[in-house]
Amino acid sequence: MKRKIWEMIRDGQIEGKKWFVFIDTDTYVEWDNLLALLEHFDPSKKIFIGSPVWLPKLEFAHGGSAYVLSYGALEALNKPSKELEEEGPMYSQYGVNVTALCCGDEALAVALKQKGVRLKGYWPMFNGEVPSTLAFGRELWCEPVISLHHVSGKYMEDLRGWVEDWKARTMNMSPLLFKDLFAYISPLLTATREDWENIEEAPPENTKTSYKSFEYCKAACEADKRCFQFVFHGTTCALSHTIRLGRERLPENEGDDRYFSGWNMERIREWTSKTECENAHWVQSNP
């Protein structure tokens, strides 16, 4: 795809383009925020921006979260290496066994690295979650929303409609922040939900075993002043210091333990009402 785009530029079919944004069909992009970010970069330089996936020796951009290549990066990617330009077509020059890689996203990062282009990571603004699985909190509140993933079909239509209504109400005076997006899912929060999992991969220090009941788990959350929500499954109780709607979780087999989720609604209302954003927090790149 990158080669085809470059050929179209070379042949004059695409003129004056500075940035190239790659997305999946279920990627939501908040274009106003993305364009505001890109204003701070020189597209003639070799720029590669996205949400980083960390490997021991390399970071690559998660494709579903969208990533951006500048004109300079795309030019470098498609420039033949002098020592290899006589050995075959462009796509054979990198000497990479792609079958040993996880995905095309990693293969692209390997090729770009060989051309001196390294990823600039801008998570959480480039994000691989949907609104219902975002973990809202201090690290996900005042940051602008640039992308979300797994937003498809009716979900995409509904989210786009909600954002357009939000922009109309606010006269589009400020960038859409995760704080604003919280209002999209907050009406769905309630004190308890059966057959529902609102926490995934809770840290070990926030996971307790040998709990007798949902009520004991609820009491544990109330005792932890930073706890916003909890989930009880079998005899396991997990607590969370972030706010997440989550998803339905039915028993996989007959007789399996059910999932019961709860939220401390009073604590959530108090925290969200007091935690304002004086300005948007445009995160620094990592790496």
C-alpha atoms as a PDB file:
ATOM      1  CA  MET A   1       0.000   0.000   0.000  1.00  0.00           C
ATOM      2  CA  LYS A   2       2.776   2.456   0.922  1.00  0.00           C
ATOM      3  CA  ARG A   3       4.552   1.629  -2.338  1.00  0.00           C
ATOM      4  CA  LYS A   4       1.360   2.159  -4.364  1.00  0.00           C
ATOM      5  CA  ILE A   5       0.754   5.542  -2.733  1.00  0.00           C
ATOM      6  CA  TRP A   6       4.325   6.598  -3.486  1.00  0.00           C
ATOM      7  CA  GLU A   7       3.953   5.564  -7.121  1.00  0.00           C
ATOM      8  CA  MET A   8       0.811   7.712  -7.350  1.00  0.00           C
ATOM      9  CA  ILE A   9       2.725  10.673  -5.912  1.00  0.00           C
ATOM     10  CA  ARG A  10       5.624  10.100  -8.308  1.00  0.00           C
ATOM     11  CA  ASP A  11       3.271   9.888 -11.275  1.00  0.00           C
ATOM     12  CA  GLY A  12       1.484  13.102 -10.317  1.00  0.00           C
ATOM     13  CA  GLN A  13      -1.802  11.430  -9.348  1.00  0.00           C
ATOM     14  CA  ILE A  14      -1.476  12.800  -5.809  1.00  0.00           C
ATOM     15  CA  GLU A  15      -0.085  16.302  -5.373  1.00  0.00           C
ATOM     16  CA  GLY A  16       0.607  18.487  -2.368  1.00  0.00           C
ATOM     17  CA  LYS A  17      -0.065  15.845   0.285  1.00  0.00           C
ATOM     18  CA  LYS A  18       1.913  16.263   3.487  1.00  0.00           C
ATOM     19  CA  TRP A  19       0.587  13.499   5.734  1.00  0.00           C
ATOM     20  CA  PHE A  20      -0.656   9.950   5.179  1.00  0.00           C
ATOM     21  CA  VAL A  21      -3.003   8.434   7.770  1.00  0.00           C
ATOM     22  CA  PHE A  22      -3.487   4.662   7.867  1.00  0.00           C
ATOM     23  CA  ILE A  23      -6.543   3.252   9.652  1.00  0.00           C
ATOM     24  CA  ASP A  24      -8.609   0.080   9.898  1.00  0.00           C
ATOM     25  CA  THR A  25     -12.244   0.030   8.843  1.00  0.00           C
ATOM     26  CA  ASP A  26     -13.255   0.045  12.520  1.00  0.00           C
ATOM     27  CA  THR A  27     -10.953   2.904  13.552  1.00  0.00           C
ATOM     28  CA  TYR A  28     -12.591   6.104  14.765  1.00  0.00           C
ATOM     29  CA  VAL A  29     -10.509   9.226  14.102  1.00  0.00           C
ATOM     30  CA  GLU A  30     -11.133  12.623  15.655  1.00  0.00           C
ATOM     31  CA  TRP A  31      -9.762  14.578  12.716  1.00  0.00           C
ATOM     32  CA  ASP A  32      -9.798  18.022  14.328  1.00  0.00           C
ATOM     33  CA  ASN A  33      -7.492  16.810  17.099  1.00  0.00           C
ATOM     34  CA  LEU A  34      -5.223  14.912  14.722  1.00  0.00           C
ATOM     35  CA  LEU A  35      -4.768  17.941  12.479  1.00  0.00           C
ATOM     36  CA  ALA A  36      -4.067  20.120  15.522  1.00  0.00           C
ATOM     37  CA  LEU A  37      -1.288  17.719  16.570  1.00  0.00           C
ATOM     38  CA  LEU A  38       0.248  17.542  13.095  1.00  0.00           C
ATOM     39  CA  GLU A  39       0.520  21.332  12.921  1.00  0.00           C
ATOM     40  CA  HIS A  40       3.504  21.014  15.266  1.00  0.00           C
ATOM     41  CA  PHE A  41       5.531  18.828  12.888  1.00  0.00           C
ATOM     42  CA  ASP A  42       7.392  19.407   9.632  1.00  0.00           C
ATOM     43  CA  PRO A  43       6.042  16.912   7.060  1.00  0.00           C
ATOM     44  CA  SER A  44       9.273  17.105   5.063  1.00  0.00           C
ATOM     45  CA  LYS A  45      11.025  15.416   8.000  1.00  0.00           C
ATOM     46  CA  LYS A  46      10.860  11.670   8.603  1.00  0.00           C
ATOM     47  CA  ILE A  47       7.921  11.440  11.028  1.00  0.00           C
ATOM     48  CA  PHE A  48       6.136   8.247  12.133  1.00  0.00           C
ATOM     49  CA  ILE A  49       3.378   8.720  14.740  1.00  0.00           C
ATOM     50  CA  GLY A  50       1.015   6.289  16.469  1.00  0.00           C
ATOM     51  CA  SER A  51       0.267   4.215  19.561  1.00  0.00           C
ATOM     52  CA  PRO A  52       3.346   2.159  20.488  1.00  0.00           C
ATOM     53  CA  VAL A  53       3.446  -1.593  20.947  1.00  0.00           C
ATOM     54  CA  TRP A  54       6.576  -2.421  22.902  1.00  0.00           C
ATOM     55  CA  LEU A  55       8.897  -5.246  21.898  1.00  0.00           C
ATOM     56  CA  PRO A  56      12.338  -5.936  23.424  1.00  0.00           C
ATOM     57  CA  LYS A  57      14.256  -4.333  20.545  1.00  0.00           C
ATOM     58  CA  LEU A  58      11.645  -2.342  18.658  1.00  0.00           C
ATOM     59  CA  GLU A  59       8.476  -0.329  19.049  1.00  0.00           C
ATOM     60  CA  PHE A  60       5.866  -0.441  16.315  1.00  0.00           C
ATOM     61  CA  ALA A  61       2.608   1.425  15.787  1.00  0.00           C
ATOM     62  CA  HIS A  62      -0.617  -0.425  16.532  1.00  0.00           C
ATOM     63  CA  GLY A  63      -2.465  -0.359  13.226  1.00  0.00           C
ATOM     64  CA  GLY A  64      -5.968  -0.382  14.668  1.00  0.00           C
ATOM     65  CA  SER A  65      -5.207   2.792  16.617  1.00  0.00           C
ATOM     66  CA  ALA A  66      -4.218   4.547  13.372  1.00  0.00           C
ATOM     67  CA  TYR A  67      -0.733   5.745  12.507  1.00  0.00           C
ATOM     68  CA  VAL A  68       0.645   8.612  10.465  1.00  0.00           C
ATOM     69  CA  LEU A  69       3.565   8.863   8.053  1.00  0.00           C
ATOM     70  CA  SER A  70       4.890  12.196   6.869  1.00  0.00           C
ATOM     71  CA  TYR A  71       5.822  12.841   3.253  1.00  0.00           C
ATOM     72  CA  GLY A  72       9.447  12.644   4.356  1.00  0.00           C
ATOM     73  CA  ALA A  73       8.979   9.229   5.973  1.00  0.00           C
ATOM     74  CA  LEU A  74       7.118   7.828   2.977  1.00  0.00           C
ATOM     75  CA  GLU A  75       9.835   9.133   0.677  1.00  0.00           C
ATOM     76  CA  ALA A  76      12.554   7.490   2.782  1.00  0.00           C
ATOM     77  CA  LEU A  77      10.648   4.205   2.901  1.00  0.00           C
ATOM     78  CA  ASN A  78      10.427   4.061  -0.881  1.00  0.00           C
ATOM     79  CA  LYS A  79      13.973   5.171  -1.650  1.00  0.00           C
ATOM     80  CA  PRO A  80      16.074   2.190  -2.810  1.00  0.00           C
ATOM     81  CA  SER A  81      19.177   1.364  -0.799  1.00  0.00           C
ATOM     82  CA  LYS A  82      22.295   2.034  -2.877  1.00  0.00           C
ATOM     83  CA  GLU A  83      23.923  -1.276  -2.024  1.00  0.00           C
ATOM     84  CA  LEU A  84      20.785  -3.241  -2.916  1.00  0.00           C
ATOM     85  CA  GLU A  85      19.187  -1.313  -5.754  1.00  0.00           C
ATOM     86  CA  GLU A  86      20.678  -3.649  -8.371  1.00  0.00           C
ATOM     87  CA  GLU A  87      19.540  -6.839  -6.653  1.00  0.00           C
ATOM     88  CA  GLY A  88      15.825  -6.776  -7.273  1.00  0.00           C
ATOM     89  CA  PRO A  89      12.557  -4.954  -6.795  1.00  0.00           C
ATOM     90  CA  MET A  90      12.053  -2.457  -3.961  1.00  0.00           C
ATOM     91  CA  TYR A  91       9.923  -4.757  -1.801  1.00  0.00           C
ATOM     92  CA  SER A  92      12.700  -7.394  -1.644  1.00  0.00           C
ATOM     93  CA  GLN A  93      15.374  -5.096  -0.267  1.00  0.00           C
ATOM     94  CA  TYR A  94      14.828  -5.323   3.454  1.00  0.00           C
ATOM     95  CA  GLY A  95      15.952  -8.904   4.007  1.00  0.00           C
ATOM     96  CA  VAL A  96      13.293  -9.511   6.654  1.00  0.00           C
ATOM     97  CA  ASN A  97      11.584 -12.851   7.215  1.00  0.00           C
ATOM     98  CA  VAL A  98       8.092 -11.477   7.748  1.00  0.00           C
ATOM     99  CA  THR A  99       6.785 -14.905   8.767  1.00  0.00           C
ATOM    100  CA  ALA A 100       8.783 -14.466  11.990  1.00  0.00           C
ATOM    101  CA  LEU A 101       7.015 -11.203  12.789  1.00  0.00           C
ATOM    102  CA  CYS A 102       3.698 -10.744  14.533  1.00  0.00           C
ATOM    103  CA  CYS A 103       2.037  -8.635  11.900  1.00  0.00           C
ATOM    104  CA  GLY A 104       2.388  -6.126   9.096  1.00  0.00           C
ATOM    105  CA  ASP A 105       2.618  -3.338  11.661  1.00  0.00           C
ATOM    106  CA  GLU A 106       5.880  -4.781  12.978  1.00  0.00           C
ATOM    107  CA  ALA A 107       7.210  -5.382   9.457  1.00  0.00           C
ATOM    108  CA  LEU A 108       6.591  -1.725   8.609  1.00  0.00           C
ATOM    109  CA  ALA A 109       8.458  -0.582  11.726  1.00  0.00           C
ATOM    110  CA  VAL A 110      11.416  -2.817  10.833  1.00  0.00           C
ATOM    111  CA  ALA A 111      11.558  -1.368   7.314  1.00  0.00           C
ATOM    112  CA  LEU A 112      11.230   2.204   8.570  1.00  0.00           C
ATOM    113  CA  LYS A 113      13.951   1.667  11.169  1.00  0.00           C
ATOM    114  CA  GLN A 114      16.328   0.603   8.399  1.00  0.00           C
ATOM    115  CA  LYS A 115      15.583   3.946   6.756  1.00  0.00           C
ATOM    116  CA  GLY A 116      16.284   5.894   9.934  1.00  0.00           C
ATOM    117  CA  VAL A 117      12.641   6.417  10.881  1.00  0.00           C
ATOM    118  CA  ARG A 118      11.601   5.636  14.456  1.00  0.00           C
ATOM    119  CA  LEU A 119       8.147   5.735  15.963  1.00  0.00           C
ATOM    120  CA  LYS A 120       6.946   8.663  18.046  1.00  0.00           C
ATOM    121  CA  GLY A 121       4.375   7.191  20.426  1.00  0.00           C
ATOM    122  CA  TYR A 122       1.402   9.310  21.416  1.00  0.00           C
ATOM    123  CA  TRP A 123      -0.697   6.998  23.567  1.00  0.00           C
ATOM    124  CA  PRO A 124      -3.271   7.514  25.021  1.00  0.00           C
ATOM    125  CA  MET A 125      -4.336  10.042  22.384  1.00  0.00           C
ATOM    126  CA  PHE A 126      -3.921   7.302  19.763  1.00  0.00           C
ATOM    127  CA  ASN A 127      -5.919   4.574  21.477  1.00  0.00           C
ATOM    128  CA  GLY A 128      -6.824   0.963  20.776  1.00  0.00           C
ATOM    129  CA  GLU A 129      -9.926   0.829  22.966  1.00  0.00           C
ATOM    130  CA  VAL A 130     -13.607   1.578  22.445  1.00  0.00           C
ATOM    131  CA  PRO A 131     -15.324   4.048  24.806  1.00  0.00           C
ATOM    132  CA  SER A 132     -16.804   1.219  26.882  1.00  0.00           C
ATOM    133  CA  THR A 133     -13.381  -0.306  27.619  1.00  0.00           C
ATOM    134  CA  LEU A 134     -11.455   2.905  28.276  1.00  0.00           C
ATOM    135  CA  ALA A 135     -10.090   3.139  31.825  1.00  0.00           C
ATOM    136  CA  PHE A 136     -10.960   6.733  32.692  1.00  0.00           C
ATOM    137  CA  GLY A 137      -8.862   8.328  35.426  1.00  0.00           C
ATOM    138  CA  ARG A 138      -5.964  10.685  36.023  1.00  0.00           C
ATOM    139  CA  GLU A 139      -3.976   9.269  33.091  1.00  0.00           C
ATOM    140  CA  LEU A 140      -6.992   9.332  30.795  1.00  0.00           C
ATOM    141  CA  TRP A 141      -8.899  12.539  31.376  1.00  0.00           C
ATOM    142  CA  CYS A 142      -7.448  15.806  30.074  1.00  0.00           C
ATOM    143  CA  GLU A 143      -5.771  14.231  27.026  1.00  0.00           C
ATOM    144  CA  PRO A 144      -7.284  14.888  23.572  1.00  0.00           C
ATOM    145  CA  VAL A 145      -8.932  11.948  21.811  1.00  0.00           C
ATOM    146  CA  ILE A 146      -7.340  11.234  18.423  1.00  0.00           C
ATOM    147  CA  SER A 147      -8.322   7.636  17.693  1.00  0.00           C
ATOM    148  CA  LEU A 148     -10.279   4.655  19.018  1.00  0.00           C
ATOM    149  CA  HIS A 149     -10.427   1.085  17.735  1.00  0.00           C
ATOM    150  CA  HIS A 150     -13.058  -1.657  17.288  1.00  0.00           C
ATOM    151  CA  VAL A 151     -15.725   0.980  16.658  1.00  0.00           C
ATOM    152  CA  SER A 152     -17.800  -0.519  13.869  1.00  0.00           C
ATOM    153  CA  GLY A 153     -21.254  -0.437  12.334  1.00  0.00           C
ATOM    154  CA  LYS A 154     -23.962   1.095  14.484  1.00  0.00           C
ATOM    155  CA  TYR A 155     -21.418   1.879  17.196  1.00  0.00           C
ATOM    156  CA  MET A 156     -19.477   4.103  14.779  1.00  0.00           C
ATOM    157  CA  GLU A 157     -22.637   5.918  13.661  1.00  0.00           C
ATOM    158  CA  ASP A 158     -23.786   6.467  17.227  1.00  0.00           C
ATOM    159  CA  LEU A 159     -20.399   7.741  18.403  1.00  0.00           C
ATOM    160  CA  ARG A 160     -20.001  10.102  15.443  1.00  0.00           C
ATOM    161  CA  GLY A 161     -23.490  11.474  16.051  1.00  0.00           C
ATOM    162  CA  TRP A 162     -22.760  12.018  19.734  1.00  0.00           C
ATOM    163  CA  VAL A 163     -19.477  13.813  18.985  1.00  0.00           C
ATOM    164  CA  GLU A 164     -21.137  16.072  16.420  1.00  0.00           C
ATOM    165  CA  ASP A 165     -23.825  16.969  18.970  1.00  0.00           C
ATOM    166  CA  TRP A 166     -21.111  17.670  21.556  1.00  0.00           C
ATOM    167  CA  LYS A 167     -19.292  19.970  19.131  1.00  0.00           C
ATOM    168  CA  ALA A 168     -22.519  21.826  18.393  1.00  0.00           C
ATOM    169  CA  ARG A 169     -23.256  22.292  22.116  1.00  0.00           C
ATOM    170  CA  THR A 170     -19.733  23.500  22.874  1.00  0.00           C
ATOM    171  CA  MET A 171     -19.410  25.439  19.597  1.00  0.00           C
ATOM    172  CA  ASN A 172     -16.258  23.385  18.991  1.00  0.00           C
ATOM    173  CA  MET A 173     -14.310  25.800  21.187  1.00  0.00           C
ATOM    174  CA  SER A 174     -11.966  23.149  22.603  1.00  0.00           C
ATOM    175  CA  PRO A 175     -10.577  19.759  21.567  1.00  0.00           C
ATOM    176  CA  LEU A 176     -12.542  16.639  22.468  1.00  0.00           C
ATOM    177  CA  LEU A 177     -10.926  15.260  25.623  1.00  0.00           C
ATOM    178  CA  PHE A 178     -11.353  11.876  27.287  1.00  0.00           C
ATOM    179  CA  LYS A 179     -13.099  13.794  30.061  1.00  0.00           C
ATOM    180  CA  ASP A 180     -15.724  14.821  27.509  1.00  0.00           C
ATOM    181  CA  LEU A 181     -15.955  11.308  26.098  1.00  0.00           C
ATOM    182  CA  PHE A 182     -16.699  10.001  29.590  1.00  0.00           C
ATOM    183  CA  ALA A 183     -20.123  11.645  29.265  1.00  0.00           C
ATOM    184  CA  TYR A 184     -20.820   9.250  26.380  1.00  0.00           C
ATOM    185  CA  ILE A 185     -20.632   6.166  28.620  1.00  0.00           C
ATOM    186  CA  SER A 186     -21.478   7.582  32.054  1.00  0.00           C
ATOM    187  CA  PRO A 187     -25.287   7.211  31.671  1.00  0.00           C
ATOM    188  CA  LEU A 188     -24.711   3.449  31.438  1.00  0.00           C
ATOM    189  CA  LEU A 189     -22.925   3.226  34.780  1.00  0.00           C
ATOM    190  CA  THR A 190     -24.999   1.859  37.639  1.00  0.00           C
ATOM    191  CA  ALA A 191     -24.434   0.491  41.124  1.00  0.00           C
ATOM    192  CA  THR A 192     -24.451  -3.173  40.032  1.00  0.00           C
ATOM    193  CA  ARG A 193     -24.601  -5.305  36.884  1.00  0.00           C
ATOM    194  CA  GLU A 194     -24.981  -9.056  36.680  1.00  0.00           C
ATOM    195  CA  ASP A 195     -23.151 -11.096  34.032  1.00  0.00           C
ATOM    196  CA  TRP A 196     -20.858  -8.144  33.455  1.00  0.00           C
ATOM    197  CA  GLU A 197     -17.078  -7.649  33.674  1.00  0.00           C
ATOM    198  CA  ASN A 198     -15.923  -4.103  34.279  1.00  0.00           C
ATOM    199  CA  ILE A 199     -12.278  -4.946  35.034  1.00  0.00           C
ATOM    200  CA  GLU A 200      -9.866  -6.900  32.867  1.00  0.00           C
ATOM    201  CA  GLU A 201      -6.317  -7.795  33.878  1.00  0.00           C
ATOM    202  CA  ALA A 202      -6.488  -6.169  37.300  1.00  0.00           C
ATOM    203  CA  PRO A 203      -3.047  -5.745  38.913  1.00  0.00           C
ATOM    204  CA  PRO A 204      -2.254  -8.477  41.466  1.00  0.00           C
ATOM    205  CA  GLU A 205      -2.218  -6.001  44.358  1.00  0.00           C
ATOM    206  CA  ASN A 206      -5.829  -5.111  43.536  1.00  0.00           C
ATOM    207  CA  THR A 207      -7.022  -8.721  43.225  1.00  0.00           C
ATOM    208  CA  LYS A 208      -8.175 -10.565  46.334  1.00  0.00           C
ATOM    209  CA  THR A 209      -9.143 -14.208  46.716  1.00  0.00           C
ATOM    210  CA  SER A 210     -11.286 -16.189  49.165  1.00  0.00           C
ATOM    211  CA  TYR A 211     -14.072 -13.624  49.215  1.00  0.00           C
ATOM    212  CA  LYS A 212     -17.435 -14.988  50.288  1.00  0.00           C
ATOM    213  CA  SER A 213     -19.791 -12.787  48.321  1.00  0.00           C
ATOM    214  CA  PHE A 214     -20.402  -9.767  46.141  1.00  0.00           C
ATOM    215  CA  GLU A 215     -21.218  -7.747  49.263  1.00  0.00           C
ATOM    216  CA  TYR A 216     -17.809  -8.517  50.792  1.00  0.00           C
ATOM    217  CA  CYS A 217     -16.191  -7.369  47.551  1.00  0.00           C
ATOM    218  CA  LYS A 218     -18.270  -4.191  47.593  1.00  0.00           C
ATOM    219  CA  ALA A 219     -17.166  -3.506  51.158  1.00  0.00           C
ATOM    220  CA  ALA A 220     -13.518  -3.938  50.135  1.00  0.00           C
ATOM    221  CA  CYS A 221     -13.971  -1.291  47.450  1.00  0.00           C
ATOM    222  CA  GLU A 222     -15.629   1.077  49.907  1.00  0.00           C
ATOM    223  CA  ALA A 223     -12.730   0.605  52.332  1.00  0.00           C
ATOM    224  CA  ASP A 224     -10.201   1.529  49.618  1.00  0.00           C
ATOM    225  CA  LYS A 225     -10.622   5.299  49.254  1.00  0.00           C
ATOM    226  CA  ARG A 226      -9.223   5.219  45.706  1.00  0.00           C
ATOM    227  CA  CYS A 227     -11.523   2.426  44.495  1.00  0.00           C
ATOM    228  CA  PHE A 228     -14.137   3.374  41.910  1.00  0.00           C
ATOM    229  CA  GLN A 229     -15.390  -0.076  40.941  1.00  0.00           C
ATOM    230  CA  PHE A 230     -15.047  -3.801  41.508  1.00  0.00           C
ATOM    231  CA  VAL A 231     -15.909  -7.178  40.025  1.00  0.00           C
ATOM    232  CA  PHE A 232     -16.718 -10.406  41.869  1.00  0.00           C
ATOM    233  CA  HIS A 233     -16.286 -13.818  40.223  1.00  0.00           C
ATOM    234  CA  GLY A 234     -16.355 -17.093  42.119  1.00  0.00           C
ATOM    235  CA  THR A 235     -14.331 -16.208  45.204  1.00  0.00           C
ATOM    236  CA  THR A 236     -12.195 -13.561  43.519  1.00  0.00           C
ATOM    237  CA  CYS A 237     -12.668  -9.836  44.051  1.00  0.00           C
ATOM    238  CA  ALA A 238     -10.834  -7.289  41.866  1.00  0.00           C
ATOM    239  CA  LEU A 239     -10.762  -3.561  42.607  1.00  0.00           C
ATOM    240  CA  SER A 240     -10.018  -0.693  40.238  1.00  0.00           C
ATOM    241  CA  HIS A 241      -8.779   2.865  40.718  1.00  0.00           C
ATOM    242  CA  THR A 242     -10.062   3.837  37.267  1.00  0.00           C
ATOM    243  CA  ILE A 243     -13.586   4.019  35.842  1.00  0.00           C
ATOM    244  CA  ARG A 244     -14.532   1.560  33.122  1.00  0.00           C
ATOM    245  CA  LEU A 245     -17.906   0.482  31.784  1.00  0.00           C
ATOM    246  CA  GLY A 246     -16.745  -2.920  30.538  1.00  0.00           C
ATOM    247  CA  ARG A 247     -18.714  -5.581  28.700  1.00  0.00           C
ATOM    248  CA  GLU A 248     -21.190  -8.391  29.113  1.00  0.00           C
ATOM    249  CA  ARG A 249     -19.600 -11.608  30.373  1.00  0.00           C
ATOM    250  CA  LEU A 250     -21.878 -14.649  30.373  1.00  0.00           C
ATOM    251  CA  PRO A 251     -20.827 -18.002  31.875  1.00  0.00           C
ATOM    252  CA  GLU A 252     -19.068 -20.014  29.178  1.00  0.00           C
ATOM    253  CA  ASN A 253     -20.280 -23.352  30.509  1.00  0.00           C
ATOM    254  CA  GLU A 254     -23.210 -24.516  32.594  1.00  0.00           C
ATOM    255  CA  GLY A 255     -22.332 -24.271  36.243  1.00  0.00           C
ATOM    256  CA  ASP A 256     -19.563 -21.703  35.724  1.00  0.00           C
ATOM    257  CA  ASP A 257     -19.370 -18.852  38.196  1.00  0.00           C
ATOM    258  CA  ARG A 258     -21.016 -15.642  37.058  1.00  0.00           C
ATOM    259  CA  TYR A 259     -19.457 -12.185  36.933  1.00  0.00           C
ATOM    260  CA  PHE A 260     -20.962  -9.431  39.088  1.00  0.00           C
ATOM    261  CA  SER A 261     -19.724  -5.868  38.658  1.00  0.00           C
ATOM    262  CA  GLY A 262     -20.261  -2.826  40.819  1.00  0.00           C
ATOM    263  CA  TRP A 263     -19.459   0.883  40.791  1.00  0.00           C
ATOM    264  CA  ASN A 264     -19.177   3.334  43.671  1.00  0.00           C
ATOM    265  CA  MET A 265     -21.452   5.893  42.031  1.00  0.00           C
ATOM    266  CA  GLU A 266     -21.136   8.538  44.749  1.00  0.00           C
ATOM    267  CA  ARG A 267     -17.340   8.427  44.593  1.00  0.00           C
ATOM    268  CA  ILE A 268     -17.390   8.551  40.785  1.00  0.00           C
ATOM    269  CA  ARG A 269     -19.726  11.555  40.733  1.00  0.00           C
ATOM    270  CA  GLU A 270     -17.595  13.374  43.289  1.00  0.00           C
ATOM    271  CA  TRP A 271     -14.304  12.733  41.469  1.00  0.00           C
ATOM    272  CA  THR A 272     -15.564  13.582  37.981  1.00  0.00           C
ATOM    273  CA  SER A 273     -17.262  16.785  39.155  1.00  0.00           C
ATOM    274  CA  LYS A 274     -14.120  18.033  40.899  1.00  0.00           C
ATOM    275  CA  THR A 275     -11.519  16.987  38.323  1.00  0.00           C
ATOM    276  CA  GLU A 276     -11.468  19.769  35.766  1.00  0.00           C
ATOM    277  CA  CYS A 277      -9.073  20.382  32.889  1.00  0.00           C
ATOM    278  CA  GLU A 278      -7.673  23.902  32.683  1.00  0.00           C
ATOM    279  CA  ASN A 279      -6.067  23.027  29.364  1.00  0.00           C
ATOM    280  CA  ALA A 280      -5.778  20.039  27.074  1.00  0.00           C
ATOM    281  CA  HIS A 281      -2.820  17.807  27.929  1.00  0.00           C
ATOM    282  CA  TRP A 282      -1.076  17.093  24.634  1.00  0.00           C
ATOM    283  CA  VAL A 283       1.245  14.304  25.747  1.00  0.00           C
ATOM    284  CA  GLN A 284       4.946  14.188  24.918  1.00  0.00           C
ATOM    285  CA  SER A 285       6.085  11.376  22.656  1.00  0.00           C
ATOM    286  CA  ASN A 286       7.115   8.057  24.203  1.00  0.00           C
ATOM    287  CA  PRO A 287       9.440   6.865  22.808  1.00  0.00           C
END
